[in-house]
Amino acid sequence: MTEPADHPLVTAVKPLVDAMGAELLDPEQATTEDVVLAWEGADVIAVRLPQLSESLDHILAAMERRHGMPLADLDRKAKQGVVRTLEARGAFSVRHGVETVAGALGVSRFTVYNYLNRDNAAKGE
């Protein structure tokens, strides 16, 4: 049998698992909270999903990598774009999401709410 790390299913899902900040496990280590992935009827790998608060931190770190600098160093327009992206990904449904994002952007919570309100007004909401 192919080693799990070399299995085509693992290769296919690893970029998604990494992007979510999840963890790959041996299926025998899986708990009822984990997602076991099977290939042709055989369990190959398990995915342990991160807690929502960890996901937000992971998303912010990925956005910093994408921008090539700390989010606090971005200009206002880029910060507004970050807030739009995070809103679309549900970042503000996480407890203390606004505070976490404001800290990462180096702005106040009030500023984050202004960015959100400006976008919603532009959409006619």
PDB file of N, CA and C in Angstrom:
ATOM      1  N   MET A   1       0.838  -1.191   0.000  1.00  0.00           N
ATOM      2  CA  MET A   1       0.000   0.000   0.000  1.00  0.00           C
ATOM      3  C   MET A   1       0.881   1.253   0.000  1.00  0.00           C
ATOM      4  N   THR A   2       0.418   2.294  -0.648  1.00  0.00           N
ATOM      5  CA  THR A   2       1.125   3.578  -0.679  1.00  0.00           C
ATOM      6  C   THR A   2       1.152   4.183   0.717  1.00  0.00           C
ATOM      7  N   GLU A   3       2.287   4.757   1.108  1.00  0.00           N
ATOM      8  CA  GLU A   3       2.366   5.456   2.394  1.00  0.00           C
ATOM      9  C   GLU A   3       1.369   6.607   2.374  1.00  0.00           C
ATOM     10  N   PRO A   4       0.674   6.884   3.505  1.00  0.00           N
ATOM     11  CA  PRO A   4      -0.335   7.954   3.518  1.00  0.00           C
ATOM     12  C   PRO A   4       0.190   9.294   3.018  1.00  0.00           C
ATOM     13  N   ALA A   5       1.403   9.683   3.379  1.00  0.00           N
ATOM     14  CA  ALA A   5       1.925  10.991   2.954  1.00  0.00           C
ATOM     15  C   ALA A   5       2.088  11.057   1.437  1.00  0.00           C
ATOM     16  N   ASP A   6       2.280   9.907   0.800  1.00  0.00           N
ATOM     17  CA  ASP A   6       2.460   9.865  -0.646  1.00  0.00           C
ATOM     18  C   ASP A   6       1.171   9.533  -1.394  1.00  0.00           C
ATOM     19  N   HIS A   7       0.111   9.291  -0.670  1.00  0.00           N
ATOM     20  CA  HIS A   7      -1.151   8.899  -1.294  1.00  0.00           C
ATOM     21  C   HIS A   7      -1.706  10.061  -2.111  1.00  0.00           C
ATOM     22  N   PRO A   8      -2.274   9.795  -3.290  1.00  0.00           N
ATOM     23  CA  PRO A   8      -2.821  10.872  -4.130  1.00  0.00           C
ATOM     24  C   PRO A   8      -3.892  11.712  -3.431  1.00  0.00           C
ATOM     25  N   LEU A   9      -4.692  11.103  -2.563  1.00  0.00           N
ATOM     26  CA  LEU A   9      -5.715  11.867  -1.838  1.00  0.00           C
ATOM     27  C   LEU A   9      -5.059  12.880  -0.908  1.00  0.00           C
ATOM     28  N   VAL A  10      -4.012  12.462  -0.209  1.00  0.00           N
ATOM     29  CA  VAL A  10      -3.305  13.366   0.699  1.00  0.00           C
ATOM     30  C   VAL A  10      -2.673  14.504  -0.094  1.00  0.00           C
ATOM     31  N   THR A  11      -2.046  14.165  -1.208  1.00  0.00           N
ATOM     32  CA  THR A  11      -1.439  15.187  -2.071  1.00  0.00           C
ATOM     33  C   THR A  11      -2.488  16.186  -2.550  1.00  0.00           C
ATOM     34  N   ALA A  12      -3.666  15.685  -2.876  1.00  0.00           N
ATOM     35  CA  ALA A  12      -4.735  16.553  -3.400  1.00  0.00           C
ATOM     36  C   ALA A  12      -5.304  17.478  -2.331  1.00  0.00           C
ATOM     37  N   VAL A  13      -5.483  16.988  -1.100  1.00  0.00           N
ATOM     38  CA  VAL A  13      -6.138  17.808  -0.078  1.00  0.00           C
ATOM     39  C   VAL A  13      -5.174  18.639   0.758  1.00  0.00           C
ATOM     40  N   LYS A  14      -3.883  18.340   0.718  1.00  0.00           N
ATOM     41  CA  LYS A  14      -2.926  19.045   1.585  1.00  0.00           C
ATOM     42  C   LYS A  14      -2.939  20.561   1.392  1.00  0.00           C
ATOM     43  N   PRO A  15      -2.974  21.106   0.171  1.00  0.00           N
ATOM     44  CA  PRO A  15      -3.033  22.570   0.044  1.00  0.00           C
ATOM     45  C   PRO A  15      -4.273  23.175   0.719  1.00  0.00           C
ATOM     46  N   LEU A  16      -5.405  22.508   0.627  1.00  0.00           N
ATOM     47  CA  LEU A  16      -6.619  22.992   1.271  1.00  0.00           C
ATOM     48  C   LEU A  16      -6.497  22.904   2.791  1.00  0.00           C
ATOM     49  N   VAL A  17      -5.979  21.796   3.275  1.00  0.00           N
ATOM     50  CA  VAL A  17      -5.788  21.604   4.718  1.00  0.00           C
ATOM     51  C   VAL A  17      -4.845  22.677   5.262  1.00  0.00           C
ATOM     52  N   ASP A  18      -3.754  22.933   4.549  1.00  0.00           N
ATOM     53  CA  ASP A  18      -2.806  23.972   4.978  1.00  0.00           C
ATOM     54  C   ASP A  18      -3.448  25.354   4.970  1.00  0.00           C
ATOM     55  N   ALA A  19      -4.232  25.645   3.937  1.00  0.00           N
ATOM     56  CA  ALA A  19      -4.878  26.960   3.835  1.00  0.00           C
ATOM     57  C   ALA A  19      -5.875  27.186   4.970  1.00  0.00           C
ATOM     58  N   MET A  20      -6.485  26.117   5.448  1.00  0.00           N
ATOM     59  CA  MET A  20      -7.458  26.239   6.536  1.00  0.00           C
ATOM     60  C   MET A  20      -6.786  26.240   7.900  1.00  0.00           C
ATOM     61  N   GLY A  21      -5.518  25.866   7.942  1.00  0.00           N
ATOM     62  CA  GLY A  21      -4.847  25.752   9.233  1.00  0.00           C
ATOM     63  C   GLY A  21      -5.231  24.472   9.951  1.00  0.00           C
ATOM     64  N   ALA A  22      -5.673  23.487   9.187  1.00  0.00           N
ATOM     65  CA  ALA A  22      -6.064  22.200   9.755  1.00  0.00           C
ATOM     66  C   ALA A  22      -4.832  21.312   9.903  1.00  0.00           C
ATOM     67  N   GLU A  23      -5.045  20.122  10.445  1.00  0.00           N
ATOM     68  CA  GLU A  23      -3.944  19.199  10.704  1.00  0.00           C
ATOM     69  C   GLU A  23      -4.296  17.832  10.129  1.00  0.00           C
ATOM     70  N   LEU A  24      -3.329  17.187   9.485  1.00  0.00           N
ATOM     71  CA  LEU A  24      -3.522  15.831   8.978  1.00  0.00           C
ATOM     72  C   LEU A  24      -3.113  14.835  10.053  1.00  0.00           C
ATOM     73  N   LEU A  25      -3.913  13.781  10.203  1.00  0.00           N
ATOM     74  CA  LEU A  25      -3.650  12.748  11.204  1.00  0.00           C
ATOM     75  C   LEU A  25      -3.812  11.368  10.593  1.00  0.00           C
ATOM     76  N   ASP A  26      -3.228  10.394  11.236  1.00  0.00           N
ATOM     77  CA  ASP A  26      -3.484   9.008  10.891  1.00  0.00           C
ATOM     78  C   ASP A  26      -4.949   8.722  11.247  1.00  0.00           C
ATOM     79  N   PRO A  27      -5.686   7.994  10.423  1.00  0.00           N
ATOM     80  CA  PRO A  27      -7.106   7.753  10.717  1.00  0.00           C
ATOM     81  C   PRO A  27      -7.350   7.128  12.099  1.00  0.00           C
ATOM     82  N   GLU A  28      -6.412   6.339  12.596  1.00  0.00           N
ATOM     83  CA  GLU A  28      -6.578   5.720  13.912  1.00  0.00           C
ATOM     84  C   GLU A  28      -6.535   6.757  15.040  1.00  0.00           C
ATOM     85  N   GLN A  29      -5.970   7.931  14.778  1.00  0.00           N
ATOM     86  CA  GLN A  29      -5.891   8.992  15.782  1.00  0.00           C
ATOM     87  C   GLN A  29      -7.135   9.889  15.777  1.00  0.00           C
ATOM     88  N   ALA A  30      -8.008   9.679  14.827  1.00  0.00           N
ATOM     89  CA  ALA A  30      -9.173  10.553  14.661  1.00  0.00           C
ATOM     90  C   ALA A  30     -10.156  10.393  15.823  1.00  0.00           C
ATOM     91  N   THR A  31     -10.735  11.525  16.186  1.00  0.00           N
ATOM     92  CA  THR A  31     -11.816  11.525  17.165  1.00  0.00           C
ATOM     93  C   THR A  31     -13.115  11.764  16.413  1.00  0.00           C
ATOM     94  N   THR A  32     -14.208  11.823  17.141  1.00  0.00           N
ATOM     95  CA  THR A  32     -15.502  12.049  16.491  1.00  0.00           C
ATOM     96  C   THR A  32     -15.597  13.452  15.894  1.00  0.00           C
ATOM     97  N   GLU A  33     -14.727  14.371  16.324  1.00  0.00           N
ATOM     98  CA  GLU A  33     -14.731  15.742  15.806  1.00  0.00           C
ATOM     99  C   GLU A  33     -13.926  15.875  14.504  1.00  0.00           C
ATOM    100  N   ASP A  34     -13.135  14.874  14.168  1.00  0.00           N
ATOM    101  CA  ASP A  34     -12.278  14.926  12.983  1.00  0.00           C
ATOM    102  C   ASP A  34     -13.019  14.379  11.765  1.00  0.00           C
ATOM    103  N   VAL A  35     -12.487  14.700  10.583  1.00  0.00           N
ATOM    104  CA  VAL A  35     -13.065  14.231   9.324  1.00  0.00           C
ATOM    105  C   VAL A  35     -12.120  13.186   8.743  1.00  0.00           C
ATOM    106  N   VAL A  36     -12.610  11.958   8.600  1.00  0.00           N
ATOM    107  CA  VAL A  36     -11.795  10.882   8.036  1.00  0.00           C
ATOM    108  C   VAL A  36     -12.084  10.804   6.545  1.00  0.00           C
ATOM    109  N   LEU A  37     -11.013  10.828   5.758  1.00  0.00           N
ATOM    110  CA  LEU A  37     -11.143  10.770   4.302  1.00  0.00           C
ATOM    111  C   LEU A  37     -10.770   9.368   3.826  1.00  0.00           C
ATOM    112  N   ALA A  38     -11.611   8.818   2.976  1.00  0.00           N
ATOM    113  CA  ALA A  38     -11.396   7.471   2.456  1.00  0.00           C
ATOM    114  C   ALA A  38     -11.148   7.527   0.957  1.00  0.00           C
ATOM    115  N   TRP A  39     -10.457   6.505   0.476  1.00  0.00           N
ATOM    116  CA  TRP A  39     -10.165   6.349  -0.945  1.00  0.00           C
ATOM    117  C   TRP A  39     -10.475   4.907  -1.296  1.00  0.00           C
ATOM    118  N   GLU A  40     -11.392   4.718  -2.211  1.00  0.00           N
ATOM    119  CA  GLU A  40     -11.793   3.386  -2.646  1.00  0.00           C
ATOM    120  C   GLU A  40     -12.128   2.489  -1.462  1.00  0.00           C
ATOM    121  N   GLY A  41     -12.874   3.056  -0.498  1.00  0.00           N
ATOM    122  CA  GLY A  41     -13.361   2.284   0.640  1.00  0.00           C
ATOM    123  C   GLY A  41     -12.406   2.129   1.806  1.00  0.00           C
ATOM    124  N   ALA A  42     -11.190   2.629   1.697  1.00  0.00           N
ATOM    125  CA  ALA A  42     -10.219   2.494   2.783  1.00  0.00           C
ATOM    126  C   ALA A  42      -9.903   3.869   3.368  1.00  0.00           C
ATOM    127  N   ASP A  43      -9.923   3.970   4.701  1.00  0.00           N
ATOM    128  CA  ASP A  43      -9.550   5.222   5.360  1.00  0.00           C
ATOM    129  C   ASP A  43      -8.082   5.519   5.097  1.00  0.00           C
ATOM    130  N   VAL A  44      -7.803   6.735   4.617  1.00  0.00           N
ATOM    131  CA  VAL A  44      -6.444   7.105   4.242  1.00  0.00           C
ATOM    132  C   VAL A  44      -5.859   8.110   5.217  1.00  0.00           C
ATOM    133  N   ILE A  45      -6.630   9.127   5.542  1.00  0.00           N
ATOM    134  CA  ILE A  45      -6.115  10.229   6.357  1.00  0.00           C
ATOM    135  C   ILE A  45      -7.292  10.869   7.093  1.00  0.00           C
ATOM    136  N   ALA A  46      -6.982  11.497   8.214  1.00  0.00           N
ATOM    137  CA  ALA A  46      -8.000  12.243   8.952  1.00  0.00           C
ATOM    138  C   ALA A  46      -7.576  13.704   8.987  1.00  0.00           C
ATOM    139  N   VAL A  47      -8.568  14.577   9.021  1.00  0.00           N
ATOM    140  CA  VAL A  47      -8.318  16.014   9.067  1.00  0.00           C
ATOM    141  C   VAL A  47      -8.906  16.550  10.365  1.00  0.00           C
ATOM    142  N   ARG A  48      -8.058  17.204  11.148  1.00  0.00           N
ATOM    143  CA  ARG A  48      -8.522  17.869  12.366  1.00  0.00           C
ATOM    144  C   ARG A  48      -8.661  19.355  12.044  1.00  0.00           C
ATOM    145  N   LEU A  49      -9.890  19.818  12.061  1.00  0.00           N
ATOM    146  CA  LEU A  49     -10.174  21.217  11.740  1.00  0.00           C
ATOM    147  C   LEU A  49      -9.760  22.108  12.904  1.00  0.00           C
ATOM    148  N   PRO A  50      -9.279  23.303  12.608  1.00  0.00           N
ATOM    149  CA  PRO A  50      -8.873  24.210  13.684  1.00  0.00           C
ATOM    150  C   PRO A  50     -10.085  24.839  14.355  1.00  0.00           C
ATOM    151  N   GLN A  51      -9.867  25.368  15.549  1.00  0.00           N
ATOM    152  CA  GLN A  51     -10.896  26.158  16.212  1.00  0.00           C
ATOM    153  C   GLN A  51     -11.085  27.436  15.398  1.00  0.00           C
ATOM    154  N   LEU A  52     -12.259  28.031  15.443  1.00  0.00           N
ATOM    155  CA  LEU A  52     -12.525  29.228  14.643  1.00  0.00           C
ATOM    156  C   LEU A  52     -11.533  30.348  14.926  1.00  0.00           C
ATOM    157  N   SER A  53     -11.193  30.562  16.184  1.00  0.00           N
ATOM    158  CA  SER A  53     -10.263  31.650  16.508  1.00  0.00           C
ATOM    159  C   SER A  53      -8.886  31.375  15.907  1.00  0.00           C
ATOM    160  N   GLU A  54      -8.474  30.099  15.885  1.00  0.00           N
ATOM    161  CA  GLU A  54      -7.197  29.748  15.262  1.00  0.00           C
ATOM    162  C   GLU A  54      -7.266  29.969  13.756  1.00  0.00           C
ATOM    163  N   SER A  55      -8.434  29.702  13.174  1.00  0.00           N
ATOM    164  CA  SER A  55      -8.600  29.901  11.733  1.00  0.00           C
ATOM    165  C   SER A  55      -8.406  31.366  11.364  1.00  0.00           C
ATOM    166  N   LEU A  56      -8.949  32.271  12.164  1.00  0.00           N
ATOM    167  CA  LEU A  56      -8.803  33.690  11.874  1.00  0.00           C
ATOM    168  C   LEU A  56      -7.339  34.090  11.935  1.00  0.00           C
ATOM    169  N   ASP A  57      -6.628  33.632  12.946  1.00  0.00           N
ATOM    170  CA  ASP A  57      -5.192  33.930  13.028  1.00  0.00           C
ATOM    171  C   ASP A  57      -4.454  33.374  11.815  1.00  0.00           C
ATOM    172  N   HIS A  58      -4.835  32.183  11.392  1.00  0.00           N
ATOM    173  CA  HIS A  58      -4.196  31.558  10.223  1.00  0.00           C
ATOM    174  C   HIS A  58      -4.501  32.353   8.947  1.00  0.00           C
ATOM    175  N   ILE A  59      -5.737  32.799   8.801  1.00  0.00           N
ATOM    176  CA  ILE A  59      -6.128  33.596   7.630  1.00  0.00           C
ATOM    177  C   ILE A  59      -5.357  34.911   7.602  1.00  0.00           C
ATOM    178  N   LEU A  60      -5.242  35.560   8.766  1.00  0.00           N
ATOM    179  CA  LEU A  60      -4.491  36.820   8.832  1.00  0.00           C
ATOM    180  C   LEU A  60      -3.024  36.603   8.468  1.00  0.00           C
ATOM    181  N   ALA A  61      -2.429  35.529   8.962  1.00  0.00           N
ATOM    182  CA  ALA A  61      -1.031  35.239   8.631  1.00  0.00           C
ATOM    183  C   ALA A  61      -0.869  34.977   7.134  1.00  0.00           C
ATOM    184  N   ALA A  62      -1.823  34.267   6.542  1.00  0.00           N
ATOM    185  CA  ALA A  62      -1.761  33.999   5.101  1.00  0.00           C
ATOM    186  C   ALA A  62      -1.907  35.289   4.304  1.00  0.00           C
ATOM    187  N   MET A  63      -2.748  36.205   4.773  1.00  0.00           N
ATOM    188  CA  MET A  63      -2.913  37.485   4.074  1.00  0.00           C
ATOM    189  C   MET A  63      -1.632  38.309   4.163  1.00  0.00           C
ATOM    190  N   GLU A  64      -0.962  38.248   5.302  1.00  0.00           N
ATOM    191  CA  GLU A  64       0.322  38.955   5.419  1.00  0.00           C
ATOM    192  C   GLU A  64       1.332  38.386   4.434  1.00  0.00           C
ATOM    193  N   ARG A  65       1.375  37.050   4.335  1.00  0.00           N
ATOM    194  CA  ARG A  65       2.302  36.431   3.370  1.00  0.00           C
ATOM    195  C   ARG A  65       1.964  36.861   1.949  1.00  0.00           C
ATOM    196  N   ARG A  66       0.670  36.895   1.632  1.00  0.00           N
ATOM    197  CA  ARG A  66       0.229  37.273   0.286  1.00  0.00           C
ATOM    198  C   ARG A  66       0.624  38.714  -0.042  1.00  0.00           C
ATOM    199  N   HIS A  67       0.488  39.601   0.943  1.00  0.00           N
ATOM    200  CA  HIS A  67       0.835  41.007   0.728  1.00  0.00           C
ATOM    201  C   HIS A  67       2.332  41.270   0.874  1.00  0.00           C
ATOM    202  N   GLY A  68       3.048  40.326   1.465  1.00  0.00           N
ATOM    203  CA  GLY A  68       4.494  40.474   1.611  1.00  0.00           C
ATOM    204  C   GLY A  68       4.919  41.474   2.675  1.00  0.00           C
ATOM    205  N   MET A  69       4.000  41.781   3.589  1.00  0.00           N
ATOM    206  CA  MET A  69       4.319  42.729   4.659  1.00  0.00           C
ATOM    207  C   MET A  69       3.266  42.608   5.744  1.00  0.00           C
ATOM    208  N   PRO A  70       3.549  43.143   6.929  1.00  0.00           N
ATOM    209  CA  PRO A  70       2.520  43.143   7.965  1.00  0.00           C
ATOM    210  C   PRO A  70       1.290  43.920   7.488  1.00  0.00           C
ATOM    211  N   LEU A  71       0.117  43.446   7.841  1.00  0.00           N
ATOM    212  CA  LEU A  71      -1.112  44.109   7.403  1.00  0.00           C
ATOM    213  C   LEU A  71      -1.179  45.541   7.918  1.00  0.00           C
ATOM    214  N   ALA A  72      -0.581  45.799   9.059  1.00  0.00           N
ATOM    215  CA  ALA A  72      -0.581  47.160   9.612  1.00  0.00           C
ATOM    216  C   ALA A  72       0.180  48.137   8.724  1.00  0.00           C
ATOM    217  N   ASP A  73       1.070  47.633   7.867  1.00  0.00           N
ATOM    218  CA  ASP A  73       1.858  48.491   6.980  1.00  0.00           C
ATOM    219  C   ASP A  73       1.171  48.795   5.651  1.00  0.00           C
ATOM    220  N   LEU A  74       0.006  48.191   5.412  1.00  0.00           N
ATOM    221  CA  LEU A  74      -0.713  48.428   4.159  1.00  0.00           C
ATOM    222  C   LEU A  74      -1.331  49.826   4.165  1.00  0.00           C
ATOM    223  N   ASP A  75      -1.589  50.356   2.959  1.00  0.00           N
ATOM    224  CA  ASP A  75      -2.288  51.639   2.885  1.00  0.00           C
ATOM    225  C   ASP A  75      -3.777  51.424   3.149  1.00  0.00           C
ATOM    226  N   ARG A  76      -4.511  52.515   3.309  1.00  0.00           N
ATOM    227  CA  ARG A  76      -5.923  52.439   3.687  1.00  0.00           C
ATOM    228  C   ARG A  76      -6.749  51.613   2.705  1.00  0.00           C
ATOM    229  N   LYS A  77      -6.539  51.820   1.419  1.00  0.00           N
ATOM    230  CA  LYS A  77      -7.314  51.097   0.416  1.00  0.00           C
ATOM    231  C   LYS A  77      -7.069  49.583   0.524  1.00  0.00           C
ATOM    232  N   ALA A  78      -5.827  49.201   0.726  1.00  0.00           N
ATOM    233  CA  ALA A  78      -5.505  47.777   0.859  1.00  0.00           C
ATOM    234  C   ALA A  78      -6.125  47.208   2.137  1.00  0.00           C
ATOM    235  N   LYS A  79      -6.103  47.990   3.222  1.00  0.00           N
ATOM    236  CA  LYS A  79      -6.730  47.540   4.471  1.00  0.00           C
ATOM    237  C   LYS A  79      -8.229  47.352   4.280  1.00  0.00           C
ATOM    238  N   GLN A  80      -8.858  48.236   3.530  1.00  0.00           N
ATOM    239  CA  GLN A  80     -10.287  48.083   3.247  1.00  0.00           C
ATOM    240  C   GLN A  80     -10.534  46.800   2.458  1.00  0.00           C
ATOM    241  N   GLY A  81      -9.646  46.492   1.528  1.00  0.00           N
ATOM    242  CA  GLY A  81      -9.756  45.243   0.772  1.00  0.00           C
ATOM    243  C   GLY A  81      -9.607  44.023   1.669  1.00  0.00           C
ATOM    244  N   VAL A  82      -8.698  44.100   2.621  1.00  0.00           N
ATOM    245  CA  VAL A  82      -8.513  43.009   3.584  1.00  0.00           C
ATOM    246  C   VAL A  82      -9.797  42.807   4.386  1.00  0.00           C
ATOM    247  N   VAL A  83     -10.401  43.894   4.843  1.00  0.00           N
ATOM    248  CA  VAL A  83     -11.642  43.801   5.616  1.00  0.00           C
ATOM    249  C   VAL A  83     -12.751  43.182   4.761  1.00  0.00           C
ATOM    250  N   ARG A  84     -12.856  43.569   3.499  1.00  0.00           N
ATOM    251  CA  ARG A  84     -13.868  42.983   2.603  1.00  0.00           C
ATOM    252  C   ARG A  84     -13.656  41.479   2.469  1.00  0.00           C
ATOM    253  N   THR A  85     -12.413  41.073   2.261  1.00  0.00           N
ATOM    254  CA  THR A  85     -12.103  39.652   2.116  1.00  0.00           C
ATOM    255  C   THR A  85     -12.443  38.898   3.389  1.00  0.00           C
ATOM    256  N   LEU A  86     -12.060  39.468   4.521  1.00  0.00           N
ATOM    257  CA  LEU A  86     -12.333  38.807   5.795  1.00  0.00           C
ATOM    258  C   LEU A  86     -13.826  38.720   6.081  1.00  0.00           C
ATOM    259  N   GLU A  87     -14.571  39.750   5.721  1.00  0.00           N
ATOM    260  CA  GLU A  87     -16.020  39.700   5.912  1.00  0.00           C
ATOM    261  C   GLU A  87     -16.621  38.574   5.065  1.00  0.00           C
ATOM    262  N   ALA A  88     -16.163  38.447   3.827  1.00  0.00           N
ATOM    263  CA  ALA A  88     -16.666  37.399   2.940  1.00  0.00           C
ATOM    264  C   ALA A  88     -16.346  36.006   3.483  1.00  0.00           C
ATOM    265  N   ARG A  89     -15.251  35.902   4.238  1.00  0.00           N
ATOM    266  CA  ARG A  89     -14.849  34.606   4.792  1.00  0.00           C
ATOM    267  C   ARG A  89     -15.417  34.364   6.188  1.00  0.00           C
ATOM    268  N   GLY A  90     -16.253  35.281   6.675  1.00  0.00           N
ATOM    269  CA  GLY A  90     -16.924  35.085   7.951  1.00  0.00           C
ATOM    270  C   GLY A  90     -16.096  35.437   9.176  1.00  0.00           C
ATOM    271  N   ALA A  91     -15.032  36.210   8.995  1.00  0.00           N
ATOM    272  CA  ALA A  91     -14.135  36.529  10.096  1.00  0.00           C
ATOM    273  C   ALA A  91     -14.815  37.272  11.233  1.00  0.00           C
ATOM    274  N   PHE A  92     -15.851  38.011  10.917  1.00  0.00           N
ATOM    275  CA  PHE A  92     -16.469  38.842  11.941  1.00  0.00           C
ATOM    276  C   PHE A  92     -17.577  38.117  12.696  1.00  0.00           C
ATOM    277  N   SER A  93     -17.787  36.843  12.361  1.00  0.00           N
ATOM    278  CA  SER A  93     -18.720  36.026  13.142  1.00  0.00           C
ATOM    279  C   SER A  93     -17.993  35.343  14.300  1.00  0.00           C
ATOM    280  N   VAL A  94     -16.671  35.397  14.286  1.00  0.00           N
ATOM    281  CA  VAL A  94     -15.856  34.826  15.352  1.00  0.00           C
ATOM    282  C   VAL A  94     -15.839  35.796  16.524  1.00  0.00           C
ATOM    283  N   ARG A  95     -15.950  35.267  17.718  1.00  0.00           N
ATOM    284  CA  ARG A  95     -15.910  36.130  18.904  1.00  0.00           C
ATOM    285  C   ARG A  95     -14.604  36.916  18.913  1.00  0.00           C
ATOM    286  N   HIS A  96     -14.699  38.190  19.131  1.00  0.00           N
ATOM    287  CA  HIS A  96     -13.571  39.122  19.140  1.00  0.00           C
ATOM    288  C   HIS A  96     -12.917  39.260  17.753  1.00  0.00           C
ATOM    289  N   GLY A  97     -13.647  38.897  16.701  1.00  0.00           N
ATOM    290  CA  GLY A  97     -13.112  38.997  15.350  1.00  0.00           C
ATOM    291  C   GLY A  97     -12.739  40.414  14.968  1.00  0.00           C
ATOM    292  N   VAL A  98     -13.602  41.368  15.283  1.00  0.00           N
ATOM    293  CA  VAL A  98     -13.318  42.769  14.937  1.00  0.00           C
ATOM    294  C   VAL A  98     -12.064  43.232  15.666  1.00  0.00           C
ATOM    295  N   GLU A  99     -11.952  42.904  16.951  1.00  0.00           N
ATOM    296  CA  GLU A  99     -10.779  43.302  17.725  1.00  0.00           C
ATOM    297  C   GLU A  99      -9.497  42.667  17.165  1.00  0.00           C
ATOM    298  N   THR A 100      -9.585  41.395  16.815  1.00  0.00           N
ATOM    299  CA  THR A 100      -8.421  40.688  16.276  1.00  0.00           C
ATOM    300  C   THR A 100      -7.978  41.308  14.956  1.00  0.00           C
ATOM    301  N   VAL A 101      -8.931  41.582  14.079  1.00  0.00           N
ATOM    302  CA  VAL A 101      -8.616  42.182  12.784  1.00  0.00           C
ATOM    303  C   VAL A 101      -8.073  43.596  12.971  1.00  0.00           C
ATOM    304  N   ALA A 102      -8.702  44.368  13.840  1.00  0.00           N
ATOM    305  CA  ALA A 102      -8.229  45.736  14.095  1.00  0.00           C
ATOM    306  C   ALA A 102      -6.782  45.709  14.576  1.00  0.00           C
ATOM    307  N   GLY A 103      -6.465  44.798  15.469  1.00  0.00           N
ATOM    308  CA  GLY A 103      -5.089  44.683  15.954  1.00  0.00           C
ATOM    309  C   GLY A 103      -4.115  44.340  14.842  1.00  0.00           C
ATOM    310  N   ALA A 104      -4.504  43.410  13.983  1.00  0.00           N
ATOM    311  CA  ALA A 104      -3.623  43.012  12.875  1.00  0.00           C
ATOM    312  C   ALA A 104      -3.424  44.148  11.879  1.00  0.00           C
ATOM    313  N   LEU A 105      -4.464  44.957  11.681  1.00  0.00           N
ATOM    314  CA  LEU A 105      -4.382  46.067  10.726  1.00  0.00           C
ATOM    315  C   LEU A 105      -3.757  47.319  11.341  1.00  0.00           C
ATOM    316  N   GLY A 106      -3.629  47.331  12.662  1.00  0.00           N
ATOM    317  CA  GLY A 106      -3.086  48.512  13.320  1.00  0.00           C
ATOM    318  C   GLY A 106      -4.056  49.680  13.303  1.00  0.00           C
ATOM    319  N   VAL A 107      -5.354  49.378  13.368  1.00  0.00           N
ATOM    320  CA  VAL A 107      -6.390  50.411  13.375  1.00  0.00           C
ATOM    321  C   VAL A 107      -7.318  50.142  14.560  1.00  0.00           C
ATOM    322  N   SER A 108      -8.233  51.048  14.816  1.00  0.00           N
ATOM    323  CA  SER A 108      -9.196  50.866  15.899  1.00  0.00           C
ATOM    324  C   SER A 108     -10.363  49.989  15.430  1.00  0.00           C
ATOM    325  N   ARG A 109     -11.105  49.470  16.395  1.00  0.00           N
ATOM    326  CA  ARG A 109     -12.333  48.731  16.064  1.00  0.00           C
ATOM    327  C   ARG A 109     -13.284  49.640  15.300  1.00  0.00           C
ATOM    328  N   PHE A 110     -13.343  50.894  15.707  1.00  0.00           N
ATOM    329  CA  PHE A 110     -14.204  51.876  15.048  1.00  0.00           C
ATOM    330  C   PHE A 110     -13.876  51.970  13.555  1.00  0.00           C
ATOM    331  N   THR A 111     -12.593  51.962  13.234  1.00  0.00           N
ATOM    332  CA  THR A 111     -12.172  52.028  11.829  1.00  0.00           C
ATOM    333  C   THR A 111     -12.627  50.787  11.070  1.00  0.00           C
ATOM    334  N   VAL A 112     -12.488  49.614  11.671  1.00  0.00           N
ATOM    335  CA  VAL A 112     -12.945  48.382  11.011  1.00  0.00           C
ATOM    336  C   VAL A 112     -14.449  48.462  10.765  1.00  0.00           C
ATOM    337  N   TYR A 113     -15.211  48.906  11.779  1.00  0.00           N
ATOM    338  CA  TYR A 113     -16.657  49.063  11.587  1.00  0.00           C
ATOM    339  C   TYR A 113     -16.967  50.077  10.483  1.00  0.00           C
ATOM    340  N   ASN A 114     -16.182  51.143  10.400  1.00  0.00           N
ATOM    341  CA  ASN A 114     -16.383  52.118   9.314  1.00  0.00           C
ATOM    342  C   ASN A 114     -16.150  51.477   7.952  1.00  0.00           C
ATOM    343  N   TYR A 115     -15.090  50.676   7.824  1.00  0.00           N
ATOM    344  CA  TYR A 115     -14.829  49.978   6.557  1.00  0.00           C
ATOM    345  C   TYR A 115     -16.000  49.068   6.209  1.00  0.00           C
ATOM    346  N   LEU A 116     -16.518  48.331   7.205  1.00  0.00           N
ATOM    347  CA  LEU A 116     -17.654  47.431   6.966  1.00  0.00           C
ATOM    348  C   LEU A 116     -18.899  48.211   6.574  1.00  0.00           C
ATOM    349  N   ASN A 117     -19.178  49.291   7.294  1.00  0.00           N
ATOM    350  CA  ASN A 117     -20.359  50.100   6.996  1.00  0.00           C
ATOM    351  C   ASN A 117     -20.262  50.753   5.625  1.00  0.00           C
ATOM    352  N   ARG A 118     -19.081  51.197   5.259  1.00  0.00           N
ATOM    353  CA  ARG A 118     -18.884  51.827   3.946  1.00  0.00           C
ATOM    354  C   ARG A 118     -19.170  50.820   2.834  1.00  0.00           C
ATOM    355  N   ASP A 119     -18.673  49.597   3.006  1.00  0.00           N
ATOM    356  CA  ASP A 119     -18.916  48.550   1.996  1.00  0.00           C
ATOM    357  C   ASP A 119     -20.394  48.196   1.909  1.00  0.00           C
ATOM    358  N   ASN A 120     -21.046  48.078   3.072  1.00  0.00           N
ATOM    359  CA  ASN A 120     -22.476  47.730   3.070  1.00  0.00           C
ATOM    360  C   ASN A 120     -23.306  48.847   2.463  1.00  0.00           C
ATOM    361  N   ALA A 121     -22.942  50.103   2.712  1.00  0.00           N
ATOM    362  CA  ALA A 121     -23.661  51.232   2.119  1.00  0.00           C
ATOM    363  C   ALA A 121     -23.488  51.243   0.603  1.00  0.00           C
ATOM    364  N   ALA A 122     -22.284  50.922   0.151  1.00  0.00           N
ATOM    365  CA  ALA A 122     -22.019  50.882  -1.295  1.00  0.00           C
ATOM    366  C   ALA A 122     -22.821  49.775  -1.989  1.00  0.00           C
ATOM    367  N   LYS A 123     -23.097  48.694  -1.234  1.00  0.00           N
ATOM    368  CA  LYS A 123     -23.883  47.596  -1.795  1.00  0.00           C
ATOM    369  C   LYS A 123     -25.377  47.859  -1.722  1.00  0.00           C
ATOM    370  N   GLY A 124     -25.741  48.962  -1.032  1.00  0.00           N
ATOM    371  CA  GLY A 124     -27.136  49.295  -0.908  1.00  0.00           C
ATOM    372  C   GLY A 124     -27.840  48.548   0.205  1.00  0.00           C
ATOM    373  N   GLU A 125     -27.058  48.015   1.162  1.00  0.00           N
ATOM    374  CA  GLU A 125     -27.665  47.268   2.277  1.00  0.00           C
ATOM    375  C   GLU A 125     -28.066  48.196   3.380  1.00  0.00           C
TER     376      GLU A 125
END
